[in-house]
Protein backbone atom coordinates (compact mmCIF):
# COMPACT_ATOMS: atom_id res chain seq x y z
CA MET A 1 -4.37 1.08 18.57
CA VAL A 2 -5.37 -0.95 15.55
CA THR A 3 -8.47 -3.50 16.14
CA GLU A 4 -9.72 -6.27 13.76
CA GLU A 5 -12.72 -4.62 12.98
CA PHE A 6 -10.26 -1.01 12.42
CA ALA A 7 -7.82 -3.76 10.09
CA LYS A 8 -10.63 -5.35 8.21
CA GLN A 9 -12.90 -2.41 7.34
CA PHE A 10 -9.27 -0.84 6.18
CA ALA A 11 -8.28 -3.53 4.22
CA LYS A 12 -11.40 -3.18 2.52
CA ALA A 13 -11.20 0.53 1.83
CA TRP A 14 -7.75 -0.13 0.64
CA ALA A 15 -8.33 -2.62 -1.65
CA ALA A 16 -11.29 -0.56 -3.27
CA SER A 17 -9.01 2.75 -3.92
CA TRP A 18 -6.36 0.82 -5.24
CA ASN A 19 -9.02 -1.03 -7.44
CA SER A 20 -10.48 2.62 -7.97
CA ARG A 21 -6.84 3.80 -9.57
CA ASP A 22 -7.90 7.07 -8.18
CA LEU A 23 -4.82 8.35 -6.95
CA ASP A 24 -6.06 11.17 -4.44
CA VAL A 25 -7.96 8.21 -3.37
CA ILE A 26 -5.41 6.26 -2.11
CA LEU A 27 -3.24 8.25 -1.09
CA SER A 28 -6.41 9.53 1.48
CA HIS A 29 -4.71 6.50 3.19
CA TYR A 30 -1.16 7.86 4.16
CA THR A 31 0.58 11.32 5.95
CA GLU A 32 2.14 13.93 4.28
CA ASP A 33 5.50 12.21 5.45
CA PHE A 34 4.98 8.86 4.09
CA SER A 35 7.71 6.05 3.93
CA ILE A 36 7.34 2.92 1.85
CA GLU A 37 9.87 0.14 1.21
CA THR A 38 9.37 -1.86 -1.30
CA PRO A 39 11.39 -3.98 -4.25
CA MET A 40 8.98 -2.53 -6.73
CA ALA A 41 10.22 0.99 -6.41
CA VAL A 42 14.43 -0.43 -7.13
CA LYS A 43 12.39 -1.62 -10.68
CA LEU A 44 10.25 1.24 -11.14
CA MET A 45 12.36 3.88 -9.50
CA PRO A 46 16.00 2.86 -9.04
CA GLU A 47 17.57 5.73 -7.66
CA SER A 48 15.28 5.06 -4.58
CA ASN A 49 17.09 2.27 -3.59
CA GLY A 50 14.07 0.78 -2.86
CA ILE A 51 12.37 3.40 -0.41
CA VAL A 52 10.11 6.19 -1.52
CA LYS A 53 9.56 9.01 1.56
CA GLY A 54 6.83 11.72 0.97
CA LYS A 55 3.37 11.67 -0.50
CA GLU A 56 4.66 13.75 -3.88
CA ASN A 57 7.17 11.10 -4.30
CA VAL A 58 5.09 8.29 -3.67
CA HIS A 59 2.48 9.66 -5.75
CA ALA A 60 4.72 9.78 -8.74
CA TYR A 61 5.84 6.32 -7.66
CA TRP A 62 2.82 4.60 -7.91
CA THR A 63 1.74 6.91 -11.15
CA ILE A 64 4.36 4.74 -12.58
CA GLY A 65 3.13 1.41 -10.92
CA LEU A 66 -0.66 2.35 -12.22
CA GLU A 67 0.57 3.34 -15.81
CA ARG A 68 2.66 -0.59 -15.71
CA ILE A 69 -0.67 -2.27 -14.82
CA PRO A 70 -3.55 -0.98 -16.43
CA ASP A 71 -5.76 -4.07 -15.25
CA LEU A 72 -4.80 -3.76 -11.47
CA HIS A 73 -7.08 -5.18 -9.24
CA PHE A 74 -6.23 -6.36 -5.44
CA GLU A 75 -8.07 -9.31 -4.05
CA ILE A 76 -7.60 -9.58 0.03
CA LEU A 77 -6.71 -13.09 1.33
CA ASP A 78 -6.26 -12.16 4.90
CA VAL A 79 -6.15 -9.28 7.06
CA LEU A 80 -3.14 -9.40 10.04
CA THR A 81 -3.80 -6.73 13.58
CA GLY A 82 -0.97 -5.42 15.10
CA ILE A 83 -0.56 -2.99 17.90
CA ASN A 84 -0.28 -0.06 15.67
CA SER A 85 0.27 -2.06 12.26
CA LEU A 86 -1.46 -4.55 10.41
CA THR A 87 -0.34 -6.63 7.24
CA ILE A 88 -2.64 -6.85 4.45
CA TYR A 89 -1.76 -10.75 2.52
CA TYR A 90 -3.57 -10.36 -1.20
CA ILE A 91 -3.29 -11.36 -4.73
CA ASN A 92 -3.10 -8.70 -7.86
CA THR A 93 -4.99 -10.44 -10.23
CA ALA A 94 -4.02 -9.06 -12.89
CA THR A 95 -0.45 -10.62 -12.64
CA GLY A 96 -1.38 -13.31 -10.06
CA ARG A 97 1.13 -11.98 -7.98
CA LYS A 98 0.64 -12.50 -4.32
CA SER A 99 2.10 -9.68 -1.54
CA ALA A 100 2.01 -8.48 1.74
CA GLU A 101 1.83 -4.60 2.71
CA ASN A 102 2.69 -4.07 6.49
CA LEU A 103 0.91 -0.53 7.26
CA PHE A 104 2.27 1.50 10.60
CA PHE A 105 -0.29 3.80 11.75
CA ASN A 106 0.19 6.97 13.71
CA GLU A 107 -1.68 7.89 16.56
CA ASP A 108 -4.66 9.92 13.95
CA LEU A 109 -5.07 6.11 12.06
CA LYS A 110 -3.01 7.19 8.75
CA VAL A 111 -0.20 4.96 7.74
CA GLU A 112 2.72 6.71 8.09
CA ARG A 113 5.23 4.12 7.21
CA ALA A 114 4.59 0.48 4.82
CA PHE A 115 6.98 -2.69 3.94
CA VAL A 116 5.85 -4.51 1.17
CA MET A 117 6.93 -8.01 -0.19
CA TYR A 118 6.11 -10.04 -2.70
CA SER A 119 5.86 -13.75 -3.73
């Protein structure tokens, strides 16, 4: 179960990993069979139809994203807690774009699925 304390600590570590731009650190939060559903994948990897599955494919997808936004920086606006999930509401200060990332965890508290929405 995801607690409010875990959610806040995870979100802080998650944002720090993205702000470091180190894909190995970023991917350490996720399972090997992780999948992400996001409109950005349609733009960066049209063949994905918005769903990228598996750490290797996600690595390739996020590599493209990091190359396109070299000054990416996430600032957390809020963290919402679910049962086995949390939502991180944040702004990418490089683009001014707000996002909500819904993360679903397995029993080892690794992210196995994510849904992302953008403003």
